[in-house]
Amino acid sequence: MFDGKKVAANMKSGRYMNGWTQQDLADTSHVSLSAITSYEVARNVPGLDIAVAICDAFGWTLDRLVGRTVDQKTGEVTYEDRR
């Protein structure tokens, strides 16, 4: 299932992979710095519009942000391990 902590971890990972600060992500996605911080500590989960903006900034799909994969042959949906 969907896990806000996974979103937080994936956001941090995406920033590190790009060499960005939280401010860089905020500027690129047009989301406030305080909101980015709140999402990265899993205090809040971004709404769909903001999640899309964050994904656009990273060049990701929503599935990647939430740690979801779909097997193309079987249609089986799995989520990354939360640990």
C-alpha atoms as a PDB file:
ATOM      1  CA  MET A   1       0.000   0.000   0.000  1.00  0.00           C
ATOM      2  CA  PHE A   2       0.889   3.665  -0.299  1.00  0.00           C
ATOM      3  CA  ASP A   3       3.342   4.825   2.350  1.00  0.00           C
ATOM      4  CA  GLY A   4       4.095   8.493   3.083  1.00  0.00           C
ATOM      5  CA  LYS A   5       7.487   7.530   4.483  1.00  0.00           C
ATOM      6  CA  LYS A   6       8.390   5.997   1.136  1.00  0.00           C
ATOM      7  CA  VAL A   7       7.450   9.227  -0.637  1.00  0.00           C
ATOM      8  CA  ALA A   8       9.680  11.124   1.801  1.00  0.00           C
ATOM      9  CA  ALA A   9      12.601   8.743   1.236  1.00  0.00           C
ATOM     10  CA  ASN A  10      12.183   8.863  -2.536  1.00  0.00           C
ATOM     11  CA  MET A  11      12.079  12.657  -2.545  1.00  0.00           C
ATOM     12  CA  LYS A  12      15.334  12.794  -0.579  1.00  0.00           C
ATOM     13  CA  SER A  13      16.889  10.212  -2.877  1.00  0.00           C
ATOM     14  CA  GLY A  14      15.829  12.183  -5.946  1.00  0.00           C
ATOM     15  CA  ARG A  15      17.352  15.348  -4.559  1.00  0.00           C
ATOM     16  CA  TYR A  16      20.622  13.619  -3.725  1.00  0.00           C
ATOM     17  CA  MET A  17      20.802  12.016  -7.178  1.00  0.00           C
ATOM     18  CA  ASN A  18      20.416  15.475  -8.728  1.00  0.00           C
ATOM     19  CA  GLY A  19      22.753  17.173  -6.262  1.00  0.00           C
ATOM     20  CA  TRP A  20      19.914  19.469  -5.176  1.00  0.00           C
ATOM     21  CA  THR A  21      19.109  21.134  -1.905  1.00  0.00           C
ATOM     22  CA  GLN A  22      15.543  21.317  -0.662  1.00  0.00           C
ATOM     23  CA  GLN A  23      15.497  24.893  -1.950  1.00  0.00           C
ATOM     24  CA  ASP A  24      16.539  23.701  -5.419  1.00  0.00           C
ATOM     25  CA  LEU A  25      13.649  21.224  -5.479  1.00  0.00           C
ATOM     26  CA  ALA A  26      11.254  23.882  -4.195  1.00  0.00           C
ATOM     27  CA  ASP A  27      12.342  26.310  -6.921  1.00  0.00           C
ATOM     28  CA  THR A  28      12.241  23.715  -9.702  1.00  0.00           C
ATOM     29  CA  SER A  29       8.837  22.314  -8.724  1.00  0.00           C
ATOM     30  CA  HIS A  30       7.332  25.708  -7.739  1.00  0.00           C
ATOM     31  CA  VAL A  31       6.472  24.369  -4.278  1.00  0.00           C
ATOM     32  CA  SER A  32       7.356  26.211  -1.063  1.00  0.00           C
ATOM     33  CA  LEU A  33      10.461  25.218   0.860  1.00  0.00           C
ATOM     34  CA  SER A  34       8.396  24.608   3.992  1.00  0.00           C
ATOM     35  CA  ALA A  35       6.156  22.198   2.048  1.00  0.00           C
ATOM     36  CA  ILE A  36       9.161  20.274   0.674  1.00  0.00           C
ATOM     37  CA  THR A  37      10.577  20.009   4.189  1.00  0.00           C
ATOM     38  CA  SER A  38       7.232  18.817   5.530  1.00  0.00           C
ATOM     39  CA  TYR A  39       7.013  16.088   2.875  1.00  0.00           C
ATOM     40  CA  GLU A  40      10.594  14.943   3.385  1.00  0.00           C
ATOM     41  CA  VAL A  41      10.102  14.393   7.107  1.00  0.00           C
ATOM     42  CA  ALA A  42       6.805  12.609   6.375  1.00  0.00           C
ATOM     43  CA  ARG A  43       4.819  15.146   8.402  1.00  0.00           C
ATOM     44  CA  ASN A  44       2.558  15.620   5.367  1.00  0.00           C
ATOM     45  CA  VAL A  45       2.035  13.869   2.052  1.00  0.00           C
ATOM     46  CA  PRO A  46       1.859  15.973  -1.103  1.00  0.00           C
ATOM     47  CA  GLY A  47      -1.481  16.264  -2.849  1.00  0.00           C
ATOM     48  CA  LEU A  48      -1.753  15.041  -6.411  1.00  0.00           C
ATOM     49  CA  ASP A  49      -1.005  18.411  -8.022  1.00  0.00           C
ATOM     50  CA  ILE A  50       2.142  18.897  -5.960  1.00  0.00           C
ATOM     51  CA  ALA A  51       3.227  15.272  -6.398  1.00  0.00           C
ATOM     52  CA  VAL A  52       2.976  15.760 -10.162  1.00  0.00           C
ATOM     53  CA  ALA A  53       5.056  18.958  -9.941  1.00  0.00           C
ATOM     54  CA  ILE A  54       7.722  17.133  -7.918  1.00  0.00           C
ATOM     55  CA  CYS A  55       7.730  14.246 -10.396  1.00  0.00           C
ATOM     56  CA  ASP A  56       8.050  16.681 -13.295  1.00  0.00           C
ATOM     57  CA  ALA A  57      11.042  18.297 -11.592  1.00  0.00           C
ATOM     58  CA  PHE A  58      12.750  14.907 -11.295  1.00  0.00           C
ATOM     59  CA  GLY A  59      11.552  13.578 -14.646  1.00  0.00           C
ATOM     60  CA  TRP A  60       9.757  10.761 -12.816  1.00  0.00           C
ATOM     61  CA  THR A  61       6.377   9.068 -12.912  1.00  0.00           C
ATOM     62  CA  LEU A  62       4.065   9.114  -9.914  1.00  0.00           C
ATOM     63  CA  ASP A  63       4.688   5.380  -9.578  1.00  0.00           C
ATOM     64  CA  ARG A  64       8.366   6.023  -8.971  1.00  0.00           C
ATOM     65  CA  LEU A  65       7.656   8.672  -6.349  1.00  0.00           C
ATOM     66  CA  VAL A  66       5.417   6.325  -4.353  1.00  0.00           C
ATOM     67  CA  GLY A  67       7.621   3.265  -4.931  1.00  0.00           C
ATOM     68  CA  ARG A  68       5.045   1.396  -7.022  1.00  0.00           C
ATOM     69  CA  THR A  69       5.797  -0.970  -9.897  1.00  0.00           C
ATOM     70  CA  VAL A  70       3.461  -2.799 -12.231  1.00  0.00           C
ATOM     71  CA  ASP A  71       4.532  -6.042 -13.897  1.00  0.00           C
ATOM     72  CA  GLN A  72       3.903  -5.489 -17.607  1.00  0.00           C
ATOM     73  CA  LYS A  73       3.076  -9.155 -18.243  1.00  0.00           C
ATOM     74  CA  THR A  74       0.840  -9.961 -15.283  1.00  0.00           C
ATOM     75  CA  GLY A  75      -0.393  -6.521 -14.235  1.00  0.00           C
ATOM     76  CA  GLU A  76       0.637  -7.311 -10.659  1.00  0.00           C
ATOM     77  CA  VAL A  77       1.229  -4.203  -8.576  1.00  0.00           C
ATOM     78  CA  THR A  78       3.993  -4.162  -5.971  1.00  0.00           C
ATOM     79  CA  TYR A  79       5.442  -1.537  -3.693  1.00  0.00           C
ATOM     80  CA  GLU A  80       9.066  -1.140  -2.652  1.00  0.00           C
ATOM     81  CA  ASP A  81       9.991  -2.459   0.756  1.00  0.00           C
ATOM     82  CA  ARG A  82       9.342   0.233   3.371  1.00  0.00           C
ATOM     83  CA  ARG A  83      12.412  -0.565   5.439  1.00  0.00           C
END
